[in-house]
Amino acid sequence: MHIYICSKCGAVVEKDSMPAVSGCPKGTHSWSIVAFNGSLVAKPGLHPYQCRNCGILIYSDSMPSTVSCHFGGTHSWIKL
């Protein structure tokens, strides 16, 4: 599964394809993919990563992308 994060509101979605843009409290979602093989829950073979800026926790088999963070700047991932 892919992990998408909205750079406007910080919503996180686990989905195989691009999520809908409707439903964002700040207008329309602006989705960016941060992990091509990831999960929102712990699974075998996936490592936990947390953003230093906003605190979002995801699980991925590799370092997530440093896309725009809704707290400003870009996500700064640390492997836990």
PDB file of N, CA and C in Angstrom:
ATOM      1  N   MET A   1       0.830  -1.186   0.000  1.00  0.00           N
ATOM      2  CA  MET A   1       0.000   0.000   0.000  1.00  0.00           C
ATOM      3  C   MET A   1       0.876   1.252   0.000  1.00  0.00           C
ATOM      4  N   HIS A   2       0.353   2.308  -0.581  1.00  0.00           N
ATOM      5  CA  HIS A   2       1.034   3.592  -0.592  1.00  0.00           C
ATOM      6  C   HIS A   2       0.532   4.440   0.577  1.00  0.00           C
ATOM      7  N   ILE A   3       1.404   5.316   1.085  1.00  0.00           N
ATOM      8  CA  ILE A   3       1.019   6.254   2.133  1.00  0.00           C
ATOM      9  C   ILE A   3       1.021   7.652   1.530  1.00  0.00           C
ATOM     10  N   TYR A   4      -0.122   8.332   1.640  1.00  0.00           N
ATOM     11  CA  TYR A   4      -0.281   9.698   1.148  1.00  0.00           C
ATOM     12  C   TYR A   4      -0.495  10.629   2.333  1.00  0.00           C
ATOM     13  N   ILE A   5       0.073  11.838   2.267  1.00  0.00           N
ATOM     14  CA  ILE A   5      -0.124  12.851   3.300  1.00  0.00           C
ATOM     15  C   ILE A   5      -0.561  14.145   2.628  1.00  0.00           C
ATOM     16  N   CYS A   6      -1.595  14.785   3.205  1.00  0.00           N
ATOM     17  CA  CYS A   6      -2.057  16.075   2.702  1.00  0.00           C
ATOM     18  C   CYS A   6      -1.179  17.173   3.285  1.00  0.00           C
ATOM     19  N   SER A   7      -0.604  17.999   2.418  1.00  0.00           N
ATOM     20  CA  SER A   7       0.282  19.067   2.890  1.00  0.00           C
ATOM     21  C   SER A   7      -0.485  20.241   3.495  1.00  0.00           C
ATOM     22  N   LYS A   8      -1.804  20.260   3.321  1.00  0.00           N
ATOM     23  CA  LYS A   8      -2.606  21.356   3.882  1.00  0.00           C
ATOM     24  C   LYS A   8      -3.102  21.056   5.300  1.00  0.00           C
ATOM     25  N   CYS A   9      -3.660  19.842   5.507  1.00  0.00           N
ATOM     26  CA  CYS A   9      -4.268  19.534   6.808  1.00  0.00           C
ATOM     27  C   CYS A   9      -3.550  18.440   7.591  1.00  0.00           C
ATOM     28  N   GLY A  10      -2.632  17.707   6.956  1.00  0.00           N
ATOM     29  CA  GLY A  10      -1.890  16.660   7.641  1.00  0.00           C
ATOM     30  C   GLY A  10      -2.570  15.305   7.657  1.00  0.00           C
ATOM     31  N   ALA A  11      -3.694  15.160   6.953  1.00  0.00           N
ATOM     32  CA  ALA A  11      -4.370  13.861   6.895  1.00  0.00           C
ATOM     33  C   ALA A  11      -3.434  12.830   6.278  1.00  0.00           C
ATOM     34  N   VAL A  12      -3.518  11.600   6.777  1.00  0.00           N
ATOM     35  CA  VAL A  12      -2.685  10.505   6.289  1.00  0.00           C
ATOM     36  C   VAL A  12      -3.607   9.382   5.824  1.00  0.00           C
ATOM     37  N   VAL A  13      -3.344   8.859   4.612  1.00  0.00           N
ATOM     38  CA  VAL A  13      -4.186   7.825   4.026  1.00  0.00           C
ATOM     39  C   VAL A  13      -3.307   6.697   3.499  1.00  0.00           C
ATOM     40  N   GLU A  14      -3.742   5.471   3.745  1.00  0.00           N
ATOM     41  CA  GLU A  14      -3.089   4.280   3.199  1.00  0.00           C
ATOM     42  C   GLU A  14      -3.982   3.766   2.080  1.00  0.00           C
ATOM     43  N   LYS A  15      -3.477   3.805   0.854  1.00  0.00           N
ATOM     44  CA  LYS A  15      -4.312   3.466  -0.299  1.00  0.00           C
ATOM     45  C   LYS A  15      -3.442   3.063  -1.482  1.00  0.00           C
ATOM     46  N   ASP A  16      -3.994   2.250  -2.394  1.00  0.00           N
ATOM     47  CA  ASP A  16      -3.257   1.820  -3.582  1.00  0.00           C
ATOM     48  C   ASP A  16      -3.225   2.879  -4.679  1.00  0.00           C
ATOM     49  N   SER A  17      -4.183   3.804  -4.657  1.00  0.00           N
ATOM     50  CA  SER A  17      -4.242   4.842  -5.681  1.00  0.00           C
ATOM     51  C   SER A  17      -4.478   6.205  -5.030  1.00  0.00           C
ATOM     52  N   MET A  18      -4.324   7.270  -5.800  1.00  0.00           N
ATOM     53  CA  MET A  18      -4.459   8.634  -5.290  1.00  0.00           C
ATOM     54  C   MET A  18      -5.831   8.837  -4.636  1.00  0.00           C
ATOM     55  N   PRO A  19      -5.864   9.323  -3.378  1.00  0.00           N
ATOM     56  CA  PRO A  19      -7.142   9.584  -2.708  1.00  0.00           C
ATOM     57  C   PRO A  19      -7.867  10.787  -3.335  1.00  0.00           C
ATOM     58  N   ALA A  20      -9.153  10.898  -3.033  1.00  0.00           N
ATOM     59  CA  ALA A  20      -9.958  12.020  -3.520  1.00  0.00           C
ATOM     60  C   ALA A  20      -9.485  13.324  -2.884  1.00  0.00           C
ATOM     61  N   VAL A  21      -9.640  14.422  -3.600  1.00  0.00           N
ATOM     62  CA  VAL A  21      -9.217  15.727  -3.084  1.00  0.00           C
ATOM     63  C   VAL A  21     -10.279  16.377  -2.212  1.00  0.00           C
ATOM     64  N   SER A  22     -11.511  15.888  -2.256  1.00  0.00           N
ATOM     65  CA  SER A  22     -12.585  16.478  -1.459  1.00  0.00           C
ATOM     66  C   SER A  22     -12.457  16.072   0.010  1.00  0.00           C
ATOM     67  N   GLY A  23     -13.039  16.889   0.883  1.00  0.00           N
ATOM     68  CA  GLY A  23     -13.083  16.557   2.295  1.00  0.00           C
ATOM     69  C   GLY A  23     -12.024  17.197   3.168  1.00  0.00           C
ATOM     70  N   CYS A  24     -11.158  18.018   2.605  1.00  0.00           N
ATOM     71  CA  CYS A  24     -10.110  18.679   3.398  1.00  0.00           C
ATOM     72  C   CYS A  24     -10.708  19.878   4.118  1.00  0.00           C
ATOM     73  N   PRO A  25     -10.453  20.031   5.417  1.00  0.00           N
ATOM     74  CA  PRO A  25     -10.980  21.190   6.135  1.00  0.00           C
ATOM     75  C   PRO A  25     -10.371  22.519   5.675  1.00  0.00           C
ATOM     76  N   LYS A  26      -9.312  22.445   4.868  1.00  0.00           N
ATOM     77  CA  LYS A  26      -8.656  23.665   4.374  1.00  0.00           C
ATOM     78  C   LYS A  26      -8.858  23.830   2.864  1.00  0.00           C
ATOM     79  N   GLY A  27     -10.003  23.368   2.356  1.00  0.00           N
ATOM     80  CA  GLY A  27     -10.302  23.473   0.928  1.00  0.00           C
ATOM     81  C   GLY A  27     -10.299  22.113   0.274  1.00  0.00           C
ATOM     82  N   THR A  28      -9.316  21.854  -0.572  1.00  0.00           N
ATOM     83  CA  THR A  28      -9.159  20.538  -1.194  1.00  0.00           C
ATOM     84  C   THR A  28      -7.818  19.948  -0.767  1.00  0.00           C
ATOM     85  N   HIS A  29      -7.796  18.620  -0.627  1.00  0.00           N
ATOM     86  CA  HIS A  29      -6.557  17.943  -0.238  1.00  0.00           C
ATOM     87  C   HIS A  29      -5.471  18.146  -1.290  1.00  0.00           C
ATOM     88  N   SER A  30      -4.250  18.270  -0.840  1.00  0.00           N
ATOM     89  CA  SER A  30      -3.074  18.328  -1.700  1.00  0.00           C
ATOM     90  C   SER A  30      -2.197  17.141  -1.312  1.00  0.00           C
ATOM     91  N   TRP A  31      -2.475  15.984  -1.933  1.00  0.00           N
ATOM     92  CA  TRP A  31      -1.818  14.735  -1.559  1.00  0.00           C
ATOM     93  C   TRP A  31      -0.419  14.604  -2.143  1.00  0.00           C
ATOM     94  N   SER A  32       0.490  14.070  -1.335  1.00  0.00           N
ATOM     95  CA  SER A  32       1.831  13.679  -1.773  1.00  0.00           C
ATOM     96  C   SER A  32       2.078  12.269  -1.269  1.00  0.00           C
ATOM     97  N   ILE A  33       2.701  11.455  -2.107  1.00  0.00           N
ATOM     98  CA  ILE A  33       3.032  10.092  -1.690  1.00  0.00           C
ATOM     99  C   ILE A  33       4.355  10.136  -0.925  1.00  0.00           C
ATOM    100  N   VAL A  34       4.371   9.538   0.261  1.00  0.00           N
ATOM    101  CA  VAL A  34       5.593   9.529   1.065  1.00  0.00           C
ATOM    102  C   VAL A  34       6.215   8.143   1.165  1.00  0.00           C
ATOM    103  N   ALA A  35       5.423   7.097   0.918  1.00  0.00           N
ATOM    104  CA  ALA A  35       5.950   5.735   0.978  1.00  0.00           C
ATOM    105  C   ALA A  35       5.208   4.864  -0.033  1.00  0.00           C
ATOM    106  N   PHE A  36       5.969   4.154  -0.881  1.00  0.00           N
ATOM    107  CA  PHE A  36       5.358   3.283  -1.874  1.00  0.00           C
ATOM    108  C   PHE A  36       4.983   1.937  -1.280  1.00  0.00           C
ATOM    109  N   ASN A  37       5.711   1.493  -0.267  1.00  0.00           N
ATOM    110  CA  ASN A  37       5.399   0.249   0.428  1.00  0.00           C
ATOM    111  C   ASN A  37       5.337   0.577   1.908  1.00  0.00           C
ATOM    112  N   GLY A  38       4.141   0.934   2.373  1.00  0.00           N
ATOM    113  CA  GLY A  38       4.020   1.371   3.754  1.00  0.00           C
ATOM    114  C   GLY A  38       2.692   1.007   4.370  1.00  0.00           C
ATOM    115  N   SER A  39       2.541   1.406   5.636  1.00  0.00           N
ATOM    116  CA  SER A  39       1.329   1.112   6.387  1.00  0.00           C
ATOM    117  C   SER A  39       1.177   2.138   7.509  1.00  0.00           C
ATOM    118  N   LEU A  40      -0.040   2.263   7.995  1.00  0.00           N
ATOM    119  CA  LEU A  40      -0.287   3.120   9.155  1.00  0.00           C
ATOM    120  C   LEU A  40      -0.219   2.320  10.449  1.00  0.00           C
ATOM    121  N   VAL A  41      -0.093   1.002  10.339  1.00  0.00           N
ATOM    122  CA  VAL A  41       0.048   0.124  11.500  1.00  0.00           C
ATOM    123  C   VAL A  41       1.301  -0.731  11.318  1.00  0.00           C
ATOM    124  N   ALA A  42       1.848  -1.200  12.420  1.00  0.00           N
ATOM    125  CA  ALA A  42       3.060  -2.020  12.369  1.00  0.00           C
ATOM    126  C   ALA A  42       2.795  -3.334  11.637  1.00  0.00           C
ATOM    127  N   LYS A  43       3.698  -3.679  10.720  1.00  0.00           N
ATOM    128  CA  LYS A  43       3.613  -4.941   9.982  1.00  0.00           C
ATOM    129  C   LYS A  43       5.024  -5.489   9.831  1.00  0.00           C
ATOM    130  N   PRO A  44       5.184  -6.823   9.730  1.00  0.00           N
ATOM    131  CA  PRO A  44       6.510  -7.411   9.559  1.00  0.00           C
ATOM    132  C   PRO A  44       7.222  -6.835   8.335  1.00  0.00           C
ATOM    133  N   GLY A  45       8.490  -6.501   8.496  1.00  0.00           N
ATOM    134  CA  GLY A  45       9.300  -5.989   7.401  1.00  0.00           C
ATOM    135  C   GLY A  45       9.231  -4.485   7.210  1.00  0.00           C
ATOM    136  N   LEU A  46       8.352  -3.815   7.943  1.00  0.00           N
ATOM    137  CA  LEU A  46       8.235  -2.363   7.837  1.00  0.00           C
ATOM    138  C   LEU A  46       8.798  -1.712   9.097  1.00  0.00           C
ATOM    139  N   HIS A  47       9.479  -0.593   8.921  1.00  0.00           N
ATOM    140  CA  HIS A  47      10.115   0.105  10.030  1.00  0.00           C
ATOM    141  C   HIS A  47       9.343   1.373  10.375  1.00  0.00           C
ATOM    142  N   PRO A  48       9.298   1.738  11.675  1.00  0.00           N
ATOM    143  CA  PRO A  48       8.587   2.961  12.053  1.00  0.00           C
ATOM    144  C   PRO A  48       9.422   4.211  11.779  1.00  0.00           C
ATOM    145  N   TYR A  49       8.764   5.213  11.200  1.00  0.00           N
ATOM    146  CA  TYR A  49       9.374   6.519  10.948  1.00  0.00           C
ATOM    147  C   TYR A  49       8.437   7.591  11.484  1.00  0.00           C
ATOM    148  N   GLN A  50       9.009   8.600  12.120  1.00  0.00           N
ATOM    149  CA  GLN A  50       8.210   9.687  12.653  1.00  0.00           C
ATOM    150  C   GLN A  50       8.770  11.020  12.176  1.00  0.00           C
ATOM    151  N   CYS A  51       7.865  11.944  11.826  1.00  0.00           N
ATOM    152  CA  CYS A  51       8.290  13.275  11.404  1.00  0.00           C
ATOM    153  C   CYS A  51       8.613  14.107  12.635  1.00  0.00           C
ATOM    154  N   ARG A  52       9.780  14.730  12.642  1.00  0.00           N
ATOM    155  CA  ARG A  52      10.190  15.583  13.766  1.00  0.00           C
ATOM    156  C   ARG A  52       9.341  16.842  13.866  1.00  0.00           C
ATOM    157  N   ASN A  53       8.772  17.280  12.747  1.00  0.00           N
ATOM    158  CA  ASN A  53       7.995  18.520  12.740  1.00  0.00           C
ATOM    159  C   ASN A  53       6.567  18.333  13.239  1.00  0.00           C
ATOM    160  N   CYS A  54       5.851  17.350  12.694  1.00  0.00           N
ATOM    161  CA  CYS A  54       4.425  17.212  13.012  1.00  0.00           C
ATOM    162  C   CYS A  54       4.096  15.985  13.850  1.00  0.00           C
ATOM    163  N   GLY A  55       5.034  15.041  13.986  1.00  0.00           N
ATOM    164  CA  GLY A  55       4.810  13.870  14.834  1.00  0.00           C
ATOM    165  C   GLY A  55       4.100  12.706  14.173  1.00  0.00           C
ATOM    166  N   ILE A  56       3.742  12.817  12.886  1.00  0.00           N
ATOM    167  CA  ILE A  56       3.069  11.719  12.201  1.00  0.00           C
ATOM    168  C   ILE A  56       3.973  10.490  12.206  1.00  0.00           C
ATOM    169  N   LEU A  57       3.368   9.328  12.504  1.00  0.00           N
ATOM    170  CA  LEU A  57       4.087   8.057  12.555  1.00  0.00           C
ATOM    171  C   LEU A  57       3.569   7.168  11.439  1.00  0.00           C
ATOM    172  N   ILE A  58       4.487   6.667  10.585  1.00  0.00           N
ATOM    173  CA  ILE A  58       4.132   5.708   9.547  1.00  0.00           C
ATOM    174  C   ILE A  58       5.141   4.569   9.579  1.00  0.00           C
ATOM    175  N   TYR A  59       4.811   3.502   8.865  1.00  0.00           N
ATOM    176  CA  TYR A  59       5.694   2.339   8.760  1.00  0.00           C
ATOM    177  C   TYR A  59       6.022   2.136   7.291  1.00  0.00           C
ATOM    178  N   SER A  60       7.297   1.940   6.992  1.00  0.00           N
ATOM    179  CA  SER A  60       7.741   1.818   5.605  1.00  0.00           C
ATOM    180  C   SER A  60       8.951   0.908   5.524  1.00  0.00           C
ATOM    181  N   ASP A  61       9.177   0.352   4.320  1.00  0.00           N
ATOM    182  CA  ASP A  61      10.361  -0.491   4.139  1.00  0.00           C
ATOM    183  C   ASP A  61      11.600   0.336   3.813  1.00  0.00           C
ATOM    184  N   SER A  62      11.417   1.643   3.576  1.00  0.00           N
ATOM    185  CA  SER A  62      12.549   2.538   3.311  1.00  0.00           C
ATOM    186  C   SER A  62      12.203   3.940   3.811  1.00  0.00           C
ATOM    187  N   MET A  63      13.192   4.827   3.842  1.00  0.00           N
ATOM    188  CA  MET A  63      12.994   6.192   4.319  1.00  0.00           C
ATOM    189  C   MET A  63      11.895   6.885   3.511  1.00  0.00           C
ATOM    190  N   PRO A  64      10.855   7.439   4.169  1.00  0.00           N
ATOM    191  CA  PRO A  64       9.792   8.146   3.450  1.00  0.00           C
ATOM    192  C   PRO A  64      10.311   9.420   2.770  1.00  0.00           C
ATOM    193  N   SER A  65       9.561   9.888   1.786  1.00  0.00           N
ATOM    194  CA  SER A  65       9.914  11.097   1.055  1.00  0.00           C
ATOM    195  C   SER A  65       9.744  12.334   1.931  1.00  0.00           C
ATOM    196  N   THR A  66      10.574  13.329   1.699  1.00  0.00           N
ATOM    197  CA  THR A  66      10.507  14.580   2.468  1.00  0.00           C
ATOM    198  C   THR A  66       9.666  15.603   1.717  1.00  0.00           C
ATOM    199  N   VAL A  67       8.374  15.327   1.618  1.00  0.00           N
ATOM    200  CA  VAL A  67       7.440  16.231   0.942  1.00  0.00           C
ATOM    201  C   VAL A  67       6.991  17.321   1.915  1.00  0.00           C
ATOM    202  N   SER A  68       6.200  18.268   1.424  1.00  0.00           N
ATOM    203  CA  SER A  68       5.725  19.384   2.252  1.00  0.00           C
ATOM    204  C   SER A  68       4.980  18.895   3.492  1.00  0.00           C
ATOM    205  N   CYS A  69       5.300  19.506   4.623  1.00  0.00           N
ATOM    206  CA  CYS A  69       4.666  19.194   5.908  1.00  0.00           C
ATOM    207  C   CYS A  69       3.671  20.306   6.238  1.00  0.00           C
ATOM    208  N   HIS A  70       2.498  19.936   6.756  1.00  0.00           N
ATOM    209  CA  HIS A  70       1.489  20.946   7.083  1.00  0.00           C
ATOM    210  C   HIS A  70       1.917  21.847   8.244  1.00  0.00           C
ATOM    211  N   PHE A  71       3.007  21.511   8.935  1.00  0.00           N
ATOM    212  CA  PHE A  71       3.554  22.366  10.001  1.00  0.00           C
ATOM    213  C   PHE A  71       4.554  23.376   9.436  1.00  0.00           C
ATOM    214  N   GLY A  72       4.810  23.293   8.124  1.00  0.00           N
ATOM    215  CA  GLY A  72       5.771  24.185   7.472  1.00  0.00           C
ATOM    216  C   GLY A  72       7.017  23.431   7.065  1.00  0.00           C
ATOM    217  N   GLY A  73       7.641  23.860   6.010  1.00  0.00           N
ATOM    218  CA  GLY A  73       8.843  23.187   5.508  1.00  0.00           C
ATOM    219  C   GLY A  73       8.512  21.826   4.944  1.00  0.00           C
ATOM    220  N   THR A  74       9.408  20.868   5.167  1.00  0.00           N
ATOM    221  CA  THR A  74       9.206  19.504   4.686  1.00  0.00           C
ATOM    222  C   THR A  74       9.248  18.537   5.863  1.00  0.00           C
ATOM    223  N   HIS A  75       8.748  17.329   5.628  1.00  0.00           N
ATOM    224  CA  HIS A  75       8.811  16.293   6.670  1.00  0.00           C
ATOM    225  C   HIS A  75      10.268  15.951   6.941  1.00  0.00           C
ATOM    226  N   SER A  76      10.600  15.804   8.190  1.00  0.00           N
ATOM    227  CA  SER A  76      11.949  15.431   8.614  1.00  0.00           C
ATOM    228  C   SER A  76      11.830  14.104   9.353  1.00  0.00           C
ATOM    229  N   TRP A  77      12.010  13.013   8.627  1.00  0.00           N
ATOM    230  CA  TRP A  77      11.769  11.672   9.174  1.00  0.00           C
ATOM    231  C   TRP A  77      12.933  11.150   9.986  1.00  0.00           C
ATOM    232  N   ILE A  78      12.608  10.513  11.109  1.00  0.00           N
ATOM    233  CA  ILE A  78      13.597   9.786  11.905  1.00  0.00           C
ATOM    234  C   ILE A  78      13.113   8.345  12.039  1.00  0.00           C
ATOM    235  N   LYS A  79      14.047   7.429  11.920  1.00  0.00           N
ATOM    236  CA  LYS A  79      13.705   6.015  12.096  1.00  0.00           C
ATOM    237  C   LYS A  79      13.714   5.715  13.589  1.00  0.00           C
ATOM    238  N   LEU A  80      12.635   5.154  14.069  1.00  0.00           N
ATOM    239  CA  LEU A  80      12.521   4.834  15.511  1.00  0.00           C
ATOM    240  C   LEU A  80      13.048   3.455  15.806  1.00  0.00           C
TER     241      LEU A  80
END
